Amino acid sequence: MKSIRSLLPILLLSSTLVHASSEEAWQKSRQVMAQACINASHLSKVKVLGEPIEYDDNTGYSALLLEGRYAQQHMKNRRGRELCLFQRSSGRASVSEADKLRWVK
């Protein structure tokens, strides 16, 4: 009984580590998100700016800033930005114009 009590804290601490995602899983998740956002974009020559903003699991969204060129003729190939909200549970991406967002390096 005494040995079980001494092992209990170790088992409880190690059980949280089992649920942590590996770096490969995070990379794959980011690739899926980036591709979904690029596919949802209305811009041409789209690229991802910076790193994703990960909201907590209660919210279930990640945000990603995209940059590209407006394809519409009247926009004259002007550079533009979009903010992509990616719903992690469904894998759906939604974009909105974000030209007013400032890019900070």
N, C-alpha and C. Protein backbone atom coordinates (compact mmCIF):
# COMPACT_ATOMS: atom_id res chain seq x y z
N MET A 1 0.82 -1.19 0.00
CA MET A 1 0.00 0.00 0.00
C MET A 1 0.87 1.26 0.00
N LYS A 2 1.96 1.20 0.76
CA LYS A 2 2.84 2.35 0.85
C LYS A 2 3.49 2.65 -0.51
N SER A 3 3.85 1.60 -1.26
CA SER A 3 4.47 1.81 -2.57
C SER A 3 3.48 2.41 -3.57
N ILE A 4 2.21 2.06 -3.45
CA ILE A 4 1.19 2.63 -4.34
C ILE A 4 1.04 4.12 -4.06
N ARG A 5 1.05 4.49 -2.79
CA ARG A 5 0.93 5.91 -2.42
C ARG A 5 2.12 6.72 -2.93
N SER A 6 3.29 6.12 -2.90
CA SER A 6 4.47 6.84 -3.38
C SER A 6 4.49 6.96 -4.91
N LEU A 7 3.85 6.03 -5.60
CA LEU A 7 3.79 6.09 -7.05
C LEU A 7 2.67 6.98 -7.58
N LEU A 8 1.66 7.22 -6.78
CA LEU A 8 0.50 8.00 -7.20
C LEU A 8 0.86 9.38 -7.74
N PRO A 9 1.68 10.19 -7.04
CA PRO A 9 2.02 11.50 -7.60
C PRO A 9 2.75 11.41 -8.93
N ILE A 10 3.60 10.43 -9.08
CA ILE A 10 4.33 10.24 -10.34
C ILE A 10 3.35 9.89 -11.46
N LEU A 11 2.43 9.01 -11.19
CA LEU A 11 1.44 8.64 -12.21
C LEU A 11 0.56 9.82 -12.60
N LEU A 12 0.15 10.61 -11.64
CA LEU A 12 -0.68 11.77 -11.93
C LEU A 12 0.06 12.81 -12.76
N LEU A 13 1.31 13.03 -12.45
CA LEU A 13 2.10 14.00 -13.23
C LEU A 13 2.38 13.50 -14.63
N SER A 14 2.66 12.23 -14.77
CA SER A 14 2.98 11.70 -16.09
C SER A 14 1.75 11.56 -16.97
N SER A 15 0.57 11.47 -16.40
CA SER A 15 -0.64 11.31 -17.22
C SER A 15 -0.93 12.55 -18.04
N THR A 16 -0.53 13.73 -17.56
CA THR A 16 -0.76 14.95 -18.35
C THR A 16 0.19 15.02 -19.53
N LEU A 17 1.33 14.42 -19.42
CA LEU A 17 2.29 14.44 -20.53
C LEU A 17 1.83 13.57 -21.69
N VAL A 18 1.07 12.57 -21.43
CA VAL A 18 0.61 11.66 -22.46
C VAL A 18 -0.29 12.40 -23.46
N HIS A 19 -1.05 13.37 -22.99
CA HIS A 19 -1.99 14.08 -23.84
C HIS A 19 -1.37 15.23 -24.63
N ALA A 20 -0.13 15.57 -24.37
CA ALA A 20 0.52 16.66 -25.09
C ALA A 20 0.76 16.25 -26.54
N SER A 21 0.57 17.21 -27.44
CA SER A 21 0.78 16.94 -28.86
C SER A 21 2.26 17.00 -29.19
N SER A 22 2.66 16.19 -30.13
CA SER A 22 4.05 16.19 -30.57
C SER A 22 4.28 17.37 -31.50
N GLU A 23 5.53 17.69 -31.71
CA GLU A 23 5.88 18.79 -32.62
C GLU A 23 5.43 18.47 -34.04
N GLU A 24 5.49 17.21 -34.43
CA GLU A 24 5.03 16.81 -35.77
C GLU A 24 3.53 17.05 -35.92
N ALA A 25 2.77 16.77 -34.86
CA ALA A 25 1.33 16.99 -34.90
C ALA A 25 1.01 18.48 -35.04
N TRP A 26 1.76 19.32 -34.32
CA TRP A 26 1.56 20.77 -34.44
C TRP A 26 1.89 21.25 -35.85
N GLN A 27 2.98 20.75 -36.42
CA GLN A 27 3.38 21.13 -37.78
C GLN A 27 2.32 20.74 -38.79
N LYS A 28 1.80 19.53 -38.67
CA LYS A 28 0.77 19.07 -39.60
C LYS A 28 -0.49 19.91 -39.44
N SER A 29 -0.85 20.23 -38.22
CA SER A 29 -2.03 21.05 -37.96
C SER A 29 -1.88 22.43 -38.57
N ARG A 30 -0.70 23.01 -38.46
CA ARG A 30 -0.43 24.33 -39.06
C ARG A 30 -0.47 24.27 -40.57
N GLN A 31 0.02 23.19 -41.14
CA GLN A 31 -0.02 23.04 -42.60
C GLN A 31 -1.46 22.93 -43.10
N VAL A 32 -2.28 22.16 -42.39
CA VAL A 32 -3.69 22.01 -42.74
C VAL A 32 -4.39 23.36 -42.65
N MET A 33 -4.12 24.10 -41.57
CA MET A 33 -4.73 25.42 -41.40
C MET A 33 -4.28 26.37 -42.51
N ALA A 34 -3.00 26.43 -42.80
CA ALA A 34 -2.50 27.32 -43.83
C ALA A 34 -3.12 27.00 -45.18
N GLN A 35 -3.23 25.72 -45.51
CA GLN A 35 -3.81 25.34 -46.80
C GLN A 35 -5.29 25.68 -46.86
N ALA A 36 -6.02 25.46 -45.79
CA ALA A 36 -7.45 25.80 -45.76
C ALA A 36 -7.64 27.31 -45.91
N CYS A 37 -6.80 28.10 -45.26
CA CYS A 37 -6.90 29.56 -45.36
C CYS A 37 -6.54 30.04 -46.76
N ILE A 38 -5.51 29.47 -47.35
CA ILE A 38 -5.12 29.84 -48.71
C ILE A 38 -6.24 29.49 -49.69
N ASN A 39 -6.85 28.33 -49.50
CA ASN A 39 -7.96 27.92 -50.38
C ASN A 39 -9.17 28.83 -50.24
N ALA A 40 -9.40 29.37 -49.04
CA ALA A 40 -10.55 30.24 -48.81
C ALA A 40 -10.28 31.68 -49.26
N SER A 41 -9.04 32.00 -49.49
CA SER A 41 -8.66 33.38 -49.82
C SER A 41 -9.20 33.81 -51.17
N HIS A 42 -9.45 35.12 -51.28
CA HIS A 42 -9.87 35.72 -52.55
C HIS A 42 -8.71 36.40 -53.26
N LEU A 43 -7.53 36.29 -52.68
CA LEU A 43 -6.33 36.92 -53.23
C LEU A 43 -5.58 35.93 -54.12
N SER A 44 -4.78 36.47 -55.03
CA SER A 44 -3.89 35.62 -55.81
C SER A 44 -2.48 35.72 -55.23
N LYS A 45 -1.65 34.76 -55.53
CA LYS A 45 -0.27 34.71 -55.03
C LYS A 45 -0.25 34.88 -53.50
N VAL A 46 -1.08 34.12 -52.83
CA VAL A 46 -1.26 34.24 -51.39
C VAL A 46 -0.10 33.61 -50.64
N LYS A 47 0.31 34.29 -49.58
CA LYS A 47 1.31 33.73 -48.66
C LYS A 47 0.88 34.05 -47.24
N VAL A 48 1.36 33.24 -46.32
CA VAL A 48 1.06 33.41 -44.90
C VAL A 48 2.07 34.38 -44.30
N LEU A 49 1.56 35.33 -43.52
CA LEU A 49 2.43 36.26 -42.81
C LEU A 49 2.52 35.85 -41.34
N GLY A 50 3.71 35.67 -40.85
CA GLY A 50 3.91 35.39 -39.42
C GLY A 50 3.42 34.02 -38.98
N GLU A 51 3.19 33.94 -37.70
CA GLU A 51 2.75 32.70 -37.05
C GLU A 51 1.26 32.79 -36.73
N PRO A 52 0.59 31.64 -36.62
CA PRO A 52 -0.83 31.67 -36.25
C PRO A 52 -1.04 32.14 -34.82
N ILE A 53 -2.19 32.71 -34.59
CA ILE A 53 -2.61 33.08 -33.24
C ILE A 53 -3.57 31.99 -32.79
N GLU A 54 -3.20 31.27 -31.75
CA GLU A 54 -3.99 30.14 -31.27
C GLU A 54 -4.87 30.58 -30.11
N TYR A 55 -6.18 30.55 -30.30
CA TYR A 55 -7.10 30.83 -29.20
C TYR A 55 -7.30 29.55 -28.40
N ASP A 56 -7.79 29.67 -27.19
CA ASP A 56 -7.94 28.49 -26.33
C ASP A 56 -9.00 27.54 -26.89
N ASP A 57 -9.04 26.35 -26.33
CA ASP A 57 -9.95 25.32 -26.82
C ASP A 57 -11.42 25.66 -26.62
N ASN A 58 -11.74 26.53 -25.65
CA ASN A 58 -13.13 26.96 -25.49
C ASN A 58 -13.61 27.75 -26.70
N THR A 59 -12.72 28.52 -27.29
CA THR A 59 -13.04 29.28 -28.49
C THR A 59 -12.96 28.38 -29.72
N GLY A 60 -11.90 27.61 -29.81
CA GLY A 60 -11.74 26.64 -30.89
C GLY A 60 -11.29 27.21 -32.22
N TYR A 61 -10.76 28.43 -32.21
CA TYR A 61 -10.31 29.05 -33.45
C TYR A 61 -8.83 29.38 -33.39
N SER A 62 -8.25 29.48 -34.58
CA SER A 62 -6.91 30.01 -34.76
C SER A 62 -7.04 31.10 -35.82
N ALA A 63 -6.17 32.09 -35.76
CA ALA A 63 -6.20 33.19 -36.73
C ALA A 63 -4.87 33.24 -37.46
N LEU A 64 -4.95 33.60 -38.74
CA LEU A 64 -3.77 33.63 -39.59
C LEU A 64 -3.89 34.82 -40.52
N LEU A 65 -2.82 35.58 -40.65
CA LEU A 65 -2.81 36.73 -41.55
C LEU A 65 -2.24 36.31 -42.89
N LEU A 66 -2.96 36.66 -43.95
CA LEU A 66 -2.55 36.31 -45.31
C LEU A 66 -2.25 37.59 -46.09
N GLU A 67 -1.37 37.45 -47.07
CA GLU A 67 -1.08 38.56 -47.97
C GLU A 67 -1.01 38.04 -49.39
N GLY A 68 -1.49 38.85 -50.32
CA GLY A 68 -1.45 38.49 -51.72
C GLY A 68 -1.80 39.68 -52.58
N ARG A 69 -2.30 39.41 -53.77
CA ARG A 69 -2.68 40.45 -54.72
C ARG A 69 -4.16 40.30 -55.06
N TYR A 70 -4.84 41.45 -55.15
CA TYR A 70 -6.24 41.42 -55.57
C TYR A 70 -6.31 41.04 -57.05
N ALA A 71 -7.09 40.02 -57.35
CA ALA A 71 -7.17 39.51 -58.72
C ALA A 71 -8.16 40.30 -59.59
N GLN A 72 -9.08 41.03 -58.97
CA GLN A 72 -10.08 41.77 -59.73
C GLN A 72 -9.39 42.87 -60.55
N GLN A 73 -9.86 43.03 -61.77
CA GLN A 73 -9.23 43.97 -62.69
C GLN A 73 -9.24 45.40 -62.15
N HIS A 74 -10.36 45.80 -61.55
CA HIS A 74 -10.44 47.17 -61.05
C HIS A 74 -9.52 47.44 -59.85
N MET A 75 -9.01 46.38 -59.25
CA MET A 75 -8.09 46.53 -58.12
C MET A 75 -6.64 46.67 -58.59
N LYS A 76 -6.41 46.43 -59.88
CA LYS A 76 -5.12 46.67 -60.53
C LYS A 76 -3.95 45.95 -59.85
N ASN A 77 -4.21 44.70 -59.44
CA ASN A 77 -3.16 43.85 -58.87
C ASN A 77 -2.56 44.43 -57.59
N ARG A 78 -3.34 45.24 -56.89
CA ARG A 78 -2.88 45.87 -55.66
C ARG A 78 -2.66 44.82 -54.58
N ARG A 79 -1.67 45.07 -53.75
CA ARG A 79 -1.39 44.16 -52.63
C ARG A 79 -2.50 44.28 -51.59
N GLY A 80 -2.88 43.14 -51.00
CA GLY A 80 -3.93 43.14 -50.00
C GLY A 80 -3.67 42.11 -48.91
N ARG A 81 -4.40 42.28 -47.83
CA ARG A 81 -4.29 41.35 -46.71
C ARG A 81 -5.67 40.84 -46.32
N GLU A 82 -5.69 39.62 -45.82
CA GLU A 82 -6.91 39.02 -45.30
C GLU A 82 -6.59 38.36 -43.96
N LEU A 83 -7.58 38.39 -43.09
CA LEU A 83 -7.47 37.67 -41.82
C LEU A 83 -8.30 36.41 -41.96
N CYS A 84 -7.68 35.29 -41.68
CA CYS A 84 -8.36 34.00 -41.78
C CYS A 84 -8.64 33.47 -40.38
N LEU A 85 -9.89 33.11 -40.13
CA LEU A 85 -10.26 32.41 -38.90
C LEU A 85 -10.46 30.95 -39.25
N PHE A 86 -9.74 30.10 -38.58
CA PHE A 86 -9.77 28.66 -38.84
C PHE A 86 -10.40 27.97 -37.65
N GLN A 87 -11.50 27.27 -37.90
CA GLN A 87 -12.18 26.51 -36.84
C GLN A 87 -11.52 25.14 -36.76
N ARG A 88 -10.81 24.89 -35.67
CA ARG A 88 -10.02 23.66 -35.56
C ARG A 88 -10.86 22.40 -35.56
N SER A 89 -12.05 22.44 -34.98
CA SER A 89 -12.86 21.23 -34.88
C SER A 89 -13.40 20.78 -36.23
N SER A 90 -13.75 21.72 -37.08
CA SER A 90 -14.33 21.36 -38.38
C SER A 90 -13.35 21.47 -39.53
N GLY A 91 -12.26 22.21 -39.34
CA GLY A 91 -11.30 22.42 -40.41
C GLY A 91 -11.75 23.49 -41.40
N ARG A 92 -12.76 24.27 -41.04
CA ARG A 92 -13.27 25.31 -41.93
C ARG A 92 -12.51 26.61 -41.74
N ALA A 93 -12.30 27.30 -42.87
CA ALA A 93 -11.61 28.59 -42.84
C ALA A 93 -12.53 29.66 -43.41
N SER A 94 -12.47 30.83 -42.80
CA SER A 94 -13.25 31.96 -43.26
C SER A 94 -12.33 33.17 -43.31
N VAL A 95 -12.38 33.92 -44.41
CA VAL A 95 -11.48 35.06 -44.56
C VAL A 95 -12.27 36.36 -44.67
N SER A 96 -11.61 37.43 -44.25
CA SER A 96 -12.18 38.76 -44.35
C SER A 96 -11.04 39.73 -44.66
N GLU A 97 -11.36 40.78 -45.41
CA GLU A 97 -10.35 41.78 -45.76
C GLU A 97 -9.73 42.35 -44.49
N ALA A 98 -8.43 42.51 -44.52
CA ALA A 98 -7.72 43.01 -43.34
C ALA A 98 -6.63 44.00 -43.75
N ASP A 99 -6.91 44.80 -44.77
CA ASP A 99 -5.92 45.76 -45.24
C ASP A 99 -5.57 46.79 -44.17
N LYS A 100 -6.45 47.01 -43.22
CA LYS A 100 -6.20 48.02 -42.18
C LYS A 100 -5.34 47.50 -41.04
N LEU A 101 -5.10 46.19 -41.01
CA LEU A 101 -4.22 45.64 -39.98
C LEU A 101 -2.78 46.03 -40.30
N ARG A 102 -2.07 46.45 -39.30
CA ARG A 102 -0.66 46.81 -39.47
C ARG A 102 0.21 45.61 -39.21
N TRP A 103 1.20 45.40 -40.02
CA TRP A 103 2.14 44.30 -39.85
C TRP A 103 3.33 44.80 -39.04
N VAL A 104 3.60 44.19 -37.90
CA VAL A 104 4.71 44.59 -37.05
C VAL A 104 5.77 43.49 -37.08
N LYS A 105 7.00 43.87 -37.36
CA LYS A 105 8.09 42.88 -37.39
C LYS A 105 8.90 42.95 -36.14
